[in-house]
PDB file of N, CA and C in Angstrom:
ATOM      1  N   MET A   1       0.844  -1.163   0.000  1.00  0.00           N
ATOM      2  CA  MET A   1       0.000   0.000   0.000  1.00  0.00           C
ATOM      3  C   MET A   1       0.895   1.233   0.000  1.00  0.00           C
ATOM      4  N   LYS A   2       0.584   2.164  -0.878  1.00  0.00           N
ATOM      5  CA  LYS A   2       1.347   3.410  -0.903  1.00  0.00           C
ATOM      6  C   LYS A   2       0.712   4.398   0.058  1.00  0.00           C
ATOM      7  N   HIS A   3       1.563   5.048   0.810  1.00  0.00           N
ATOM      8  CA  HIS A   3       1.103   6.072   1.742  1.00  0.00           C
ATOM      9  C   HIS A   3       1.382   7.417   1.089  1.00  0.00           C
ATOM     10  N   ARG A   4       0.328   8.096   0.697  1.00  0.00           N
ATOM     11  CA  ARG A   4       0.491   9.328  -0.064  1.00  0.00           C
ATOM     12  C   ARG A   4       0.165  10.585   0.733  1.00  0.00           C
ATOM     13  N   ILE A   5      -0.456  10.450   1.863  1.00  0.00           N
ATOM     14  CA  ILE A   5      -0.880  11.624   2.618  1.00  0.00           C
ATOM     15  C   ILE A   5       0.019  11.776   3.836  1.00  0.00           C
ATOM     16  N   LYS A   6       0.676  12.904   3.918  1.00  0.00           N
ATOM     17  CA  LYS A   6       1.575  13.174   5.028  1.00  0.00           C
ATOM     18  C   LYS A   6       0.803  13.901   6.121  1.00  0.00           C
ATOM     19  N   LYS A   7       0.945  13.426   7.346  1.00  0.00           N
ATOM     20  CA  LYS A   7       0.321  14.071   8.504  1.00  0.00           C
ATOM     21  C   LYS A   7       1.423  14.467   9.476  1.00  0.00           C
ATOM     22  N   GLN A   8       1.342  15.679   9.960  1.00  0.00           N
ATOM     23  CA  GLN A   8       2.281  16.132  10.973  1.00  0.00           C
ATOM     24  C   GLN A   8       1.484  16.522  12.207  1.00  0.00           C
ATOM     25  N   PHE A   9       1.987  16.150  13.360  1.00  0.00           N
ATOM     26  CA  PHE A   9       1.313  16.506  14.602  1.00  0.00           C
ATOM     27  C   PHE A   9       2.347  16.624  15.704  1.00  0.00           C
ATOM     28  N   TRP A  10       1.937  17.280  16.754  1.00  0.00           N
ATOM     29  CA  TRP A  10       2.825  17.525  17.884  1.00  0.00           C
ATOM     30  C   TRP A  10       2.495  16.570  19.016  1.00  0.00           C
ATOM     31  N   LEU A  11       3.540  16.106  19.688  1.00  0.00           N
ATOM     32  CA  LEU A  11       3.389  15.251  20.868  1.00  0.00           C
ATOM     33  C   LEU A  11       4.113  15.904  22.033  1.00  0.00           C
ATOM     34  N   SER A  12       3.632  15.639  23.211  1.00  0.00           N
ATOM     35  CA  SER A  12       4.370  16.080  24.388  1.00  0.00           C
ATOM     36  C   SER A  12       5.641  15.229  24.476  1.00  0.00           C
ATOM     37  N   PRO A  13       6.646  15.697  25.175  1.00  0.00           N
ATOM     38  CA  PRO A  13       7.860  14.884  25.326  1.00  0.00           C
ATOM     39  C   PRO A  13       7.554  13.496  25.911  1.00  0.00           C
ATOM     40  N   GLN A  14       6.614  13.451  26.839  1.00  0.00           N
ATOM     41  CA  GLN A  14       6.243  12.164  27.452  1.00  0.00           C
ATOM     42  C   GLN A  14       5.587  11.238  26.416  1.00  0.00           C
ATOM     43  N   ASP A  15       4.673  11.770  25.605  1.00  0.00           N
ATOM     44  CA  ASP A  15       4.023  10.958  24.568  1.00  0.00           C
ATOM     45  C   ASP A  15       5.029  10.495  23.514  1.00  0.00           C
ATOM     46  N   ALA A  16       5.970  11.374  23.167  1.00  0.00           N
ATOM     47  CA  ALA A  16       6.997  11.012  22.184  1.00  0.00           C
ATOM     48  C   ALA A  16       7.866   9.873  22.711  1.00  0.00           C
ATOM     49  N   ARG A  17       8.221   9.942  23.994  1.00  0.00           N
ATOM     50  CA  ARG A  17       9.009   8.853  24.603  1.00  0.00           C
ATOM     51  C   ARG A  17       8.219   7.549  24.607  1.00  0.00           C
ATOM     52  N   GLU A  18       6.930   7.645  24.930  1.00  0.00           N
ATOM     53  CA  GLU A  18       6.079   6.448  24.975  1.00  0.00           C
ATOM     54  C   GLU A  18       5.931   5.825  23.584  1.00  0.00           C
ATOM     55  N   LEU A  19       5.756   6.663  22.568  1.00  0.00           N
ATOM     56  CA  LEU A  19       5.660   6.160  21.195  1.00  0.00           C
ATOM     57  C   LEU A  19       6.957   5.462  20.795  1.00  0.00           C
ATOM     58  N   LYS A  20       8.069   6.083  21.097  1.00  0.00           N
ATOM     59  CA  LYS A  20       9.376   5.495  20.772  1.00  0.00           C
ATOM     60  C   LYS A  20       9.570   4.181  21.529  1.00  0.00           C
ATOM     61  N   ARG A  21       9.173   4.141  22.802  1.00  0.00           N
ATOM     62  CA  ARG A  21       9.314   2.934  23.623  1.00  0.00           C
ATOM     63  C   ARG A  21       8.479   1.790  23.052  1.00  0.00           C
ATOM     64  N   LYS A  22       7.217   2.086  22.708  1.00  0.00           N
ATOM     65  CA  LYS A  22       6.344   1.044  22.145  1.00  0.00           C
ATOM     66  C   LYS A  22       6.900   0.510  20.835  1.00  0.00           C
ATOM     67  N   ALA A  23       7.384   1.403  19.987  1.00  0.00           N
ATOM     68  CA  ALA A  23       7.937   0.971  18.701  1.00  0.00           C
ATOM     69  C   ALA A  23       9.143   0.063  18.917  1.00  0.00           C
ATOM     70  N   LYS A  24       9.999   0.443  19.845  1.00  0.00           N
ATOM     71  CA  LYS A  24      11.199  -0.363  20.116  1.00  0.00           C
ATOM     72  C   LYS A  24      10.822  -1.728  20.689  1.00  0.00           C
ATOM     73  N   LEU A  25       9.889  -1.755  21.642  1.00  0.00           N
ATOM     74  CA  LEU A  25       9.462  -3.023  22.244  1.00  0.00           C
ATOM     75  C   LEU A  25       8.834  -3.958  21.224  1.00  0.00           C
ATOM     76  N   CYS A  26       8.118  -3.379  20.260  1.00  0.00           N
ATOM     77  CA  CYS A  26       7.424  -4.191  19.249  1.00  0.00           C
ATOM     78  C   CYS A  26       8.315  -4.522  18.061  1.00  0.00           C
ATOM     79  N   GLY A  27       9.430  -3.820  17.934  1.00  0.00           N
ATOM     80  CA  GLY A  27      10.314  -4.050  16.801  1.00  0.00           C
ATOM     81  C   GLY A  27       9.761  -3.502  15.498  1.00  0.00           C
ATOM     82  N   ILE A  28       8.978  -2.421  15.596  1.00  0.00           N
ATOM     83  CA  ILE A  28       8.392  -1.800  14.407  1.00  0.00           C
ATOM     84  C   ILE A  28       8.644  -0.296  14.462  1.00  0.00           C
ATOM     85  N   THR A  29       8.307   0.394  13.376  1.00  0.00           N
ATOM     86  CA  THR A  29       8.514   1.843  13.341  1.00  0.00           C
ATOM     87  C   THR A  29       7.432   2.559  14.151  1.00  0.00           C
ATOM     88  N   GLU A  30       7.709   3.803  14.477  1.00  0.00           N
ATOM     89  CA  GLU A  30       6.716   4.613  15.182  1.00  0.00           C
ATOM     90  C   GLU A  30       5.475   4.795  14.316  1.00  0.00           C
ATOM     91  N   THR A  31       5.670   4.943  13.015  1.00  0.00           N
ATOM     92  CA  THR A  31       4.543   5.074  12.088  1.00  0.00           C
ATOM     93  C   THR A  31       3.672   3.824  12.124  1.00  0.00           C
ATOM     94  N   ALA A  32       4.306   2.655  12.159  1.00  0.00           N
ATOM     95  CA  ALA A  32       3.548   1.398  12.211  1.00  0.00           C
ATOM     96  C   ALA A  32       2.744   1.305  13.506  1.00  0.00           C
ATOM     97  N   VAL A  33       3.309   1.778  14.615  1.00  0.00           N
ATOM     98  CA  VAL A  33       2.574   1.778  15.890  1.00  0.00           C
ATOM     99  C   VAL A  33       1.311   2.624  15.747  1.00  0.00           C
ATOM    100  N   ILE A  34       1.441   3.801  15.164  1.00  0.00           N
ATOM    101  CA  ILE A  34       0.282   4.688  14.996  1.00  0.00           C
ATOM    102  C   ILE A  34      -0.765   4.037  14.103  1.00  0.00           C
ATOM    103  N   ARG A  35      -0.331   3.410  13.006  1.00  0.00           N
ATOM    104  CA  ARG A  35      -1.292   2.742  12.110  1.00  0.00           C
ATOM    105  C   ARG A  35      -2.033   1.617  12.833  1.00  0.00           C
ATOM    106  N   ILE A  36      -1.311   0.837  13.616  1.00  0.00           N
ATOM    107  CA  ILE A  36      -1.945  -0.262  14.363  1.00  0.00           C
ATOM    108  C   ILE A  36      -2.969   0.299  15.348  1.00  0.00           C
ATOM    109  N   LEU A  37      -2.592   1.367  16.054  1.00  0.00           N
ATOM    110  CA  LEU A  37      -3.512   1.974  17.017  1.00  0.00           C
ATOM    111  C   LEU A  37      -4.741   2.556  16.324  1.00  0.00           C
ATOM    112  N   LEU A  38      -4.560   3.142  15.144  1.00  0.00           N
ATOM    113  CA  LEU A  38      -5.697   3.693  14.397  1.00  0.00           C
ATOM    114  C   LEU A  38      -6.696   2.616  14.000  1.00  0.00           C
ATOM    115  N   ARG A  39      -6.216   1.421  13.789  1.00  0.00           N
ATOM    116  CA  ARG A  39      -7.098   0.311  13.416  1.00  0.00           C
ATOM    117  C   ARG A  39      -7.747  -0.340  14.642  1.00  0.00           C
ATOM    118  N   GLY A  40      -7.453   0.192  15.815  1.00  0.00           N
ATOM    119  CA  GLY A  40      -8.100  -0.303  17.017  1.00  0.00           C
ATOM    120  C   GLY A  40      -7.394  -1.463  17.684  1.00  0.00           C
ATOM    121  N   TYR A  41      -6.122  -1.660  17.368  1.00  0.00           N
ATOM    122  CA  TYR A  41      -5.364  -2.750  17.971  1.00  0.00           C
ATOM    123  C   TYR A  41      -4.298  -2.199  18.899  1.00  0.00           C
ATOM    124  N   GLU A  42      -3.898  -3.022  19.835  1.00  0.00           N
ATOM    125  CA  GLU A  42      -2.789  -2.689  20.722  1.00  0.00           C
ATOM    126  C   GLU A  42      -1.590  -3.501  20.251  1.00  0.00           C
ATOM    127  N   PRO A  43      -0.488  -2.848  19.839  1.00  0.00           N
ATOM    128  CA  PRO A  43       0.663  -3.615  19.361  1.00  0.00           C
ATOM    129  C   PRO A  43       1.260  -4.472  20.473  1.00  0.00           C
ATOM    130  N   LYS A  44       1.709  -5.653  20.099  1.00  0.00           N
ATOM    131  CA  LYS A  44       2.315  -6.562  21.075  1.00  0.00           C
ATOM    132  C   LYS A  44       3.827  -6.413  21.038  1.00  0.00           C
ATOM    133  N   GLU A  45       4.418  -6.612  22.205  1.00  0.00           N
ATOM    134  CA  GLU A  45       5.870  -6.534  22.290  1.00  0.00           C
ATOM    135  C   GLU A  45       6.508  -7.658  21.494  1.00  0.00           C
ATOM    136  N   LYS A  46       7.671  -7.356  20.954  1.00  0.00           N
ATOM    137  CA  LYS A  46       8.435  -8.361  20.223  1.00  0.00           C
ATOM    138  C   LYS A  46       8.935  -9.390  21.239  1.00  0.00           C
ATOM    139  N   PRO A  47       8.726 -10.684  20.954  1.00  0.00           N
ATOM    140  CA  PRO A  47       9.187 -11.707  21.898  1.00  0.00           C
ATOM    141  C   PRO A  47      10.709 -11.736  21.985  1.00  0.00           C
ATOM    142  N   ASP A  48      11.201 -12.293  23.085  1.00  0.00           N
ATOM    143  CA  ASP A  48      12.647 -12.393  23.236  1.00  0.00           C
ATOM    144  C   ASP A  48      13.186 -13.591  22.451  1.00  0.00           C
ATOM    145  N   ALA A  49      14.489 -13.800  22.528  1.00  0.00           N
ATOM    146  CA  ALA A  49      15.167 -14.843  21.741  1.00  0.00           C
ATOM    147  C   ALA A  49      14.652 -16.241  22.077  1.00  0.00           C
ATOM    148  N   ARG A  50      14.179 -16.443  23.301  1.00  0.00           N
ATOM    149  CA  ARG A  50      13.671 -17.775  23.684  1.00  0.00           C
ATOM    150  C   ARG A  50      12.485 -18.186  22.820  1.00  0.00           C
ATOM    151  N   PHE A  51      11.630 -17.229  22.486  1.00  0.00           N
ATOM    152  CA  PHE A  51      10.479 -17.530  21.642  1.00  0.00           C
ATOM    153  C   PHE A  51      10.930 -18.042  20.279  1.00  0.00           C
ATOM    154  N   TYR A  52      11.887 -17.345  19.674  1.00  0.00           N
ATOM    155  CA  TYR A  52      12.340 -17.731  18.337  1.00  0.00           C
ATOM    156  C   TYR A  52      13.063 -19.073  18.361  1.00  0.00           C
ATOM    157  N   GLU A  53      13.794 -19.342  19.424  1.00  0.00           N
ATOM    158  CA  GLU A  53      14.439 -20.653  19.558  1.00  0.00           C
ATOM    159  C   GLU A  53      13.380 -21.745  19.699  1.00  0.00           C
ATOM    160  N   ALA A  54      12.342 -21.487  20.479  1.00  0.00           N
ATOM    161  CA  ALA A  54      11.252 -22.462  20.628  1.00  0.00           C
ATOM    162  C   ALA A  54      10.559 -22.700  19.290  1.00  0.00           C
ATOM    163  N   MET A  55      10.379 -21.641  18.509  1.00  0.00           N
ATOM    164  CA  MET A  55       9.756 -21.796  17.190  1.00  0.00           C
ATOM    165  C   MET A  55      10.624 -22.642  16.262  1.00  0.00           C
ATOM    166  N   ARG A  56      11.951 -22.436  16.323  1.00  0.00           N
ATOM    167  CA  ARG A  56      12.850 -23.245  15.488  1.00  0.00           C
ATOM    168  C   ARG A  56      12.776 -24.713  15.894  1.00  0.00           C
ATOM    169  N   GLN A  57      12.769 -24.958  17.197  1.00  0.00           N
ATOM    170  CA  GLN A  57      12.695 -26.340  17.678  1.00  0.00           C
ATOM    171  C   GLN A  57      11.362 -26.978  17.304  1.00  0.00           C
ATOM    172  N   LEU A  58      10.297 -26.246  17.468  1.00  0.00           N
ATOM    173  CA  LEU A  58       8.977 -26.766  17.130  1.00  0.00           C
ATOM    174  C   LEU A  58       8.873 -27.052  15.636  1.00  0.00           C
ATOM    175  N   SER A  59       9.445 -26.180  14.838  1.00  0.00           N
ATOM    176  CA  SER A  59       9.451 -26.399  13.395  1.00  0.00           C
ATOM    177  C   SER A  59      10.245 -27.652  13.040  1.00  0.00           C
ATOM    178  N   ALA A  60      11.366 -27.856  13.706  1.00  0.00           N
ATOM    179  CA  ALA A  60      12.175 -29.055  13.459  1.00  0.00           C
ATOM    180  C   ALA A  60      11.407 -30.313  13.836  1.00  0.00           C
ATOM    181  N   ILE A  61      10.674 -30.251  14.939  1.00  0.00           N
ATOM    182  CA  ILE A  61       9.858 -31.402  15.357  1.00  0.00           C
ATOM    183  C   ILE A  61       8.810 -31.710  14.295  1.00  0.00           C
ATOM    184  N   GLY A  62       8.149 -30.683  13.826  1.00  0.00           N
ATOM    185  CA  GLY A  62       7.137 -30.877  12.789  1.00  0.00           C
ATOM    186  C   GLY A  62       7.724 -31.471  11.517  1.00  0.00           C
ATOM    187  N   ASN A  63       8.897 -30.979  11.131  1.00  0.00           N
ATOM    188  CA  ASN A  63       9.548 -31.522   9.939  1.00  0.00           C
ATOM    189  C   ASN A  63       9.930 -32.983  10.141  1.00  0.00           C
ATOM    190  N   ASN A  64      10.420 -33.317  11.336  1.00  0.00           N
ATOM    191  CA  ASN A  64      10.775 -34.712  11.627  1.00  0.00           C
ATOM    192  C   ASN A  64       9.554 -35.619  11.551  1.00  0.00           C
ATOM    193  N   ILE A  65       8.449 -35.162  12.083  1.00  0.00           N
ATOM    194  CA  ILE A  65       7.221 -35.967  12.035  1.00  0.00           C
ATOM    195  C   ILE A  65       6.795 -36.181  10.587  1.00  0.00           C
ATOM    196  N   ASN A  66       6.890 -35.131   9.778  1.00  0.00           N
ATOM    197  CA  ASN A  66       6.538 -35.274   8.360  1.00  0.00           C
ATOM    198  C   ASN A  66       7.456 -36.272   7.665  1.00  0.00           C
ATOM    199  N   GLN A  67       8.743 -36.224   7.964  1.00  0.00           N
ATOM    200  CA  GLN A  67       9.682 -37.171   7.366  1.00  0.00           C
ATOM    201  C   GLN A  67       9.362 -38.594   7.806  1.00  0.00           C
ATOM    202  N   LEU A  68       9.030 -38.766   9.085  1.00  0.00           N
ATOM    203  CA  LEU A  68       8.648 -40.098   9.579  1.00  0.00           C
ATOM    204  C   LEU A  68       7.394 -40.597   8.875  1.00  0.00           C
ATOM    205  N   ALA A  69       6.452 -39.707   8.680  1.00  0.00           N
ATOM    206  CA  ALA A  69       5.212 -40.105   8.011  1.00  0.00           C
ATOM    207  C   ALA A  69       5.486 -40.541   6.572  1.00  0.00           C
ATOM    208  N   LEU A  70       6.340 -39.810   5.879  1.00  0.00           N
ATOM    209  CA  LEU A  70       6.675 -40.185   4.500  1.00  0.00           C
ATOM    210  C   LEU A  70       7.375 -41.542   4.448  1.00  0.00           C
ATOM    211  N   LYS A  71       8.321 -41.743   5.350  1.00  0.00           N
ATOM    212  CA  LYS A  71       9.059 -43.011   5.387  1.00  0.00           C
ATOM    213  C   LYS A  71       8.135 -44.158   5.773  1.00  0.00           C
ATOM    214  N   ALA A  72       7.305 -43.932   6.774  1.00  0.00           N
ATOM    215  CA  ALA A  72       6.380 -44.976   7.226  1.00  0.00           C
ATOM    216  C   ALA A  72       5.391 -45.335   6.124  1.00  0.00           C
ATOM    217  N   ASN A  73       4.940 -44.345   5.403  1.00  0.00           N
ATOM    218  CA  ASN A  73       4.009 -44.597   4.309  1.00  0.00           C
ATOM    219  C   ASN A  73       4.684 -45.423   3.212  1.00  0.00           C
ATOM    220  N   ALA A  74       5.943 -45.108   2.929  1.00  0.00           N
ATOM    221  CA  ALA A  74       6.683 -45.842   1.894  1.00  0.00           C
ATOM    222  C   ALA A  74       6.938 -47.286   2.314  1.00  0.00           C
ATOM    223  N   LEU A  75       7.252 -47.499   3.596  1.00  0.00           N
ATOM    224  CA  LEU A  75       7.558 -48.850   4.080  1.00  0.00           C
ATOM    225  C   LEU A  75       6.310 -49.598   4.537  1.00  0.00           C
ATOM    226  N   GLY A  76       5.263 -48.844   4.853  1.00  0.00           N
ATOM    227  CA  GLY A  76       3.980 -49.440   5.201  1.00  0.00           C
ATOM    228  C   GLY A  76       3.893 -50.135   6.540  1.00  0.00           C
ATOM    229  N   PHE A  77       4.612 -49.665   7.561  1.00  0.00           N
ATOM    230  CA  PHE A  77       4.516 -50.343   8.848  1.00  0.00           C
ATOM    231  C   PHE A  77       4.217 -49.441  10.039  1.00  0.00           C
ATOM    232  N   VAL A  78       3.884 -48.179   9.819  1.00  0.00           N
ATOM    233  CA  VAL A  78       3.540 -47.274  10.914  1.00  0.00           C
ATOM    234  C   VAL A  78       2.194 -46.641  10.592  1.00  0.00           C
ATOM    235  N   ASP A  79       1.475 -46.269  11.637  1.00  0.00           N
ATOM    236  CA  ASP A  79       0.168 -45.633  11.479  1.00  0.00           C
ATOM    237  C   ASP A  79       0.367 -44.229  10.897  1.00  0.00           C
ATOM    238  N   THR A  80       0.378 -44.138   9.597  1.00  0.00           N
ATOM    239  CA  THR A  80       0.634 -42.841   8.961  1.00  0.00           C
ATOM    240  C   THR A  80      -0.453 -41.804   9.215  1.00  0.00           C
ATOM    241  N   PRO A  81      -1.735 -42.179   9.290  1.00  0.00           N
ATOM    242  CA  PRO A  81      -2.720 -41.136   9.612  1.00  0.00           C
ATOM    243  C   PRO A  81      -2.450 -40.485  10.973  1.00  0.00           C
ATOM    244  N   MET A  82      -2.017 -41.291  11.937  1.00  0.00           N
ATOM    245  CA  MET A  82      -1.720 -40.744  13.260  1.00  0.00           C
ATOM    246  C   MET A  82      -0.533 -39.778  13.187  1.00  0.00           C
ATOM    247  N   LEU A  83       0.506 -40.173  12.482  1.00  0.00           N
ATOM    248  CA  LEU A  83       1.670 -39.303  12.368  1.00  0.00           C
ATOM    249  C   LEU A  83       1.327 -38.014  11.631  1.00  0.00           C
ATOM    250  N   LYS A  84       0.562 -38.120  10.577  1.00  0.00           N
ATOM    251  CA  LYS A  84       0.171 -36.918   9.833  1.00  0.00           C
ATOM    252  C   LYS A  84      -0.697 -36.010  10.702  1.00  0.00           C
ATOM    253  N   ASN A  85      -1.572 -36.605  11.496  1.00  0.00           N
ATOM    254  CA  ASN A  85      -2.402 -35.832  12.411  1.00  0.00           C
ATOM    255  C   ASN A  85      -1.526 -35.080  13.414  1.00  0.00           C
ATOM    256  N   GLU A  86      -0.490 -35.747  13.914  1.00  0.00           N
ATOM    257  CA  GLU A  86       0.424 -35.096  14.853  1.00  0.00           C
ATOM    258  C   GLU A  86       1.181 -33.955  14.184  1.00  0.00           C
ATOM    259  N   ALA A  87       1.553 -34.146  12.933  1.00  0.00           N
ATOM    260  CA  ALA A  87       2.255 -33.081  12.211  1.00  0.00           C
ATOM    261  C   ALA A  87       1.352 -31.860  12.061  1.00  0.00           C
ATOM    262  N   VAL A  88       0.106 -32.093  11.708  1.00  0.00           N
ATOM    263  CA  VAL A  88      -0.852 -30.989  11.571  1.00  0.00           C
ATOM    264  C   VAL A  88      -1.045 -30.299  12.916  1.00  0.00           C
ATOM    265  N   ARG A  89      -1.174 -31.089  13.961  1.00  0.00           N
ATOM    266  CA  ARG A  89      -1.347 -30.534  15.306  1.00  0.00           C
ATOM    267  C   ARG A  89      -0.135 -29.696  15.720  1.00  0.00           C
ATOM    268  N   CYS A  90       1.034 -30.181  15.405  1.00  0.00           N
ATOM    269  CA  CYS A  90       2.269 -29.476  15.738  1.00  0.00           C
ATOM    270  C   CYS A  90       2.332 -28.128  15.013  1.00  0.00           C
ATOM    271  N   HIS A  91       2.023 -28.112  13.727  1.00  0.00           N
ATOM    272  CA  HIS A  91       2.066 -26.864  12.963  1.00  0.00           C
ATOM    273  C   HIS A  91       0.968 -25.896  13.408  1.00  0.00           C
ATOM    274  N   LYS A  92      -0.190 -26.416  13.795  1.00  0.00           N
ATOM    275  CA  LYS A  92      -1.253 -25.557  14.311  1.00  0.00           C
ATOM    276  C   LYS A  92      -0.807 -24.911  15.623  1.00  0.00           C
ATOM    277  N   PHE A  93      -0.141 -25.706  16.467  1.00  0.00           N
ATOM    278  CA  PHE A  93       0.379 -25.191  17.730  1.00  0.00           C
ATOM    279  C   PHE A  93       1.360 -24.049  17.474  1.00  0.00           C
ATOM    280  N   GLN A  94       2.245 -24.234  16.510  1.00  0.00           N
ATOM    281  CA  GLN A  94       3.203 -23.191  16.164  1.00  0.00           C
ATOM    282  C   GLN A  94       2.475 -21.929  15.700  1.00  0.00           C
ATOM    283  N   ALA A  95       1.483 -22.086  14.844  1.00  0.00           N
ATOM    284  CA  ALA A  95       0.725 -20.931  14.351  1.00  0.00           C
ATOM    285  C   ALA A  95      -0.017 -20.233  15.488  1.00  0.00           C
ATOM    286  N   ASP A  96      -0.561 -21.007  16.411  1.00  0.00           N
ATOM    287  CA  ASP A  96      -1.269 -20.425  17.555  1.00  0.00           C
ATOM    288  C   ASP A  96      -0.326 -19.615  18.431  1.00  0.00           C
ATOM    289  N   ILE A  97       0.876 -20.137  18.668  1.00  0.00           N
ATOM    290  CA  ILE A  97       1.850 -19.406  19.482  1.00  0.00           C
ATOM    291  C   ILE A  97       2.212 -18.093  18.799  1.00  0.00           C
ATOM    292  N   GLU A  98       2.462 -18.154  17.502  1.00  0.00           N
ATOM    293  CA  GLU A  98       2.794 -16.937  16.766  1.00  0.00           C
ATOM    294  C   GLU A  98       1.641 -15.940  16.806  1.00  0.00           C
ATOM    295  N   ALA A  99       0.420 -16.430  16.665  1.00  0.00           N
ATOM    296  CA  ALA A  99      -0.747 -15.541  16.681  1.00  0.00           C
ATOM    297  C   ALA A  99      -0.896 -14.850  18.026  1.00  0.00           C
ATOM    298  N   VAL A 100      -0.675 -15.582  19.089  1.00  0.00           N
ATOM    299  CA  VAL A 100      -0.841 -15.019  20.428  1.00  0.00           C
ATOM    300  C   VAL A 100       0.276 -14.040  20.760  1.00  0.00           C
ATOM    301  N   LEU A 101       1.498 -14.374  20.370  1.00  0.00           N
ATOM    302  CA  LEU A 101       2.627 -13.567  20.806  1.00  0.00           C
ATOM    303  C   LEU A 101       3.096 -12.513  19.812  1.00  0.00           C
ATOM    304  N   LEU A 102       2.732 -12.636  18.551  1.00  0.00           N
ATOM    305  CA  LEU A 102       3.270 -11.704  17.564  1.00  0.00           C
ATOM    306  C   LEU A 102       2.256 -10.767  16.949  1.00  0.00           C
ATOM    307  N   ARG A 103       1.050 -11.206  16.732  1.00  0.00           N
ATOM    308  CA  ARG A 103       0.074 -10.393  16.006  1.00  0.00           C
ATOM    309  C   ARG A 103      -0.718  -9.518  16.966  1.00  0.00           C
ATOM    310  N   PRO A 104      -1.025  -8.287  16.552  1.00  0.00           N
ATOM    311  CA  PRO A 104      -1.840  -7.437  17.424  1.00  0.00           C
ATOM    312  C   PRO A 104      -3.237  -8.014  17.566  1.00  0.00           C
ATOM    313  N   GLY A 105      -3.789  -7.908  18.751  1.00  0.00           N
ATOM    314  CA  GLY A 105      -5.099  -8.496  18.995  1.00  0.00           C
ATOM    315  C   GLY A 105      -6.166  -7.458  19.227  1.00  0.00           C
ATOM    316  N   ALA A 106      -7.295  -7.609  18.559  1.00  0.00           N
ATOM    317  CA  ALA A 106      -8.404  -6.674  18.724  1.00  0.00           C
ATOM    318  C   ALA A 106      -8.981  -6.759  20.122  1.00  0.00           C
ATOM    319  N   GLU A 107      -8.881  -7.949  20.748  1.00  0.00           N
ATOM    320  CA  GLU A 107      -9.460  -8.109  22.074  1.00  0.00           C
ATOM    321  C   GLU A 107      -8.762  -7.247  23.114  1.00  0.00           C
ATOM    322  N   GLN A 108      -7.560  -6.789  22.820  1.00  0.00           N
ATOM    323  CA  GLN A 108      -6.837  -5.953  23.768  1.00  0.00           C
ATOM    324  C   GLN A 108      -6.943  -4.473  23.423  1.00  0.00           C
ATOM    325  N   SER A 109      -7.724  -4.173  22.428  1.00  0.00           N
ATOM    326  CA  SER A 109      -7.798  -2.816  21.928  1.00  0.00           C
ATOM    327  C   SER A 109      -8.535  -1.901  22.894  1.00  0.00           C
ATOM    328  N   LYS A 110      -7.898  -0.815  23.233  1.00  0.00           N
ATOM    329  CA  LYS A 110      -8.545   0.178  24.083  1.00  0.00           C
ATOM    330  C   LYS A 110      -9.641   0.897  23.305  1.00  0.00           C
ATOM    331  N   MET A 111      -9.399   1.103  22.002  1.00  0.00           N
ATOM    332  CA  MET A 111     -10.390   1.797  21.183  1.00  0.00           C
ATOM    333  C   MET A 111     -11.645   0.948  21.019  1.00  0.00           C
ATOM    334  N   ALA A 112     -11.498  -0.372  20.903  1.00  0.00           N
ATOM    335  CA  ALA A 112     -12.658  -1.248  20.764  1.00  0.00           C
ATOM    336  C   ALA A 112     -13.521  -1.173  22.014  1.00  0.00           C
ATOM    337  N   VAL A 113     -12.889  -1.088  23.174  1.00  0.00           N
ATOM    338  CA  VAL A 113     -13.633  -0.976  24.431  1.00  0.00           C
ATOM    339  C   VAL A 113     -14.381   0.347  24.464  1.00  0.00           C
ATOM    340  N   ARG A 114     -13.720   1.416  24.027  1.00  0.00           N
ATOM    341  CA  ARG A 114     -14.368   2.723  24.008  1.00  0.00           C
ATOM    342  C   ARG A 114     -15.573   2.724  23.082  1.00  0.00           C
ATOM    343  N   ARG A 115     -15.455   2.072  21.914  1.00  0.00           N
ATOM    344  CA  ARG A 115     -16.571   2.032  20.959  1.00  0.00           C
ATOM    345  C   ARG A 115     -17.768   1.296  21.546  1.00  0.00           C
ATOM    346  N   GLU A 116     -17.522   0.247  22.307  1.00  0.00           N
ATOM    347  CA  GLU A 116     -18.620  -0.532  22.888  1.00  0.00           C
ATOM    348  C   GLU A 116     -19.374   0.267  23.944  1.00  0.00           C
ATOM    349  N   THR A 117     -18.678   1.141  24.635  1.00  0.00           N
ATOM    350  CA  THR A 117     -19.317   1.896  25.708  1.00  0.00           C
ATOM    351  C   THR A 117     -20.015   3.153  25.210  1.00  0.00           C
ATOM    352  N   GLU A 118     -19.776   3.529  23.964  1.00  0.00           N
ATOM    353  CA  GLU A 118     -20.399   4.763  23.440  1.00  0.00           C
ATOM    354  C   GLU A 118     -21.829   4.543  23.027  1.00  0.00           C
TER     355      GLU A 118
END
């Protein structure tokens, strides 16, 4: 999306610090923080390195299960539907973790709460 309209506004020093802090915690630009807030979402903090390591490990587990399922299917001696089900479950778990920890959530939106009370 091209952003063609420039907006300039003034912030108090305290608000400017808070905007900068939120952007840094989330790992996004100050402009992105404002856009997220305008859409009624509260930006989530960027997870620490442990989260990304857990995601790598979980991804490796899922890949291993898929490889086992392929091998078992070729050799015909393991319950391949069960293994495939576990692989799907593993990848869904990974997606759920990412959704909870990385994506902004409308349920936490202060603006959404304000709209409901108006």
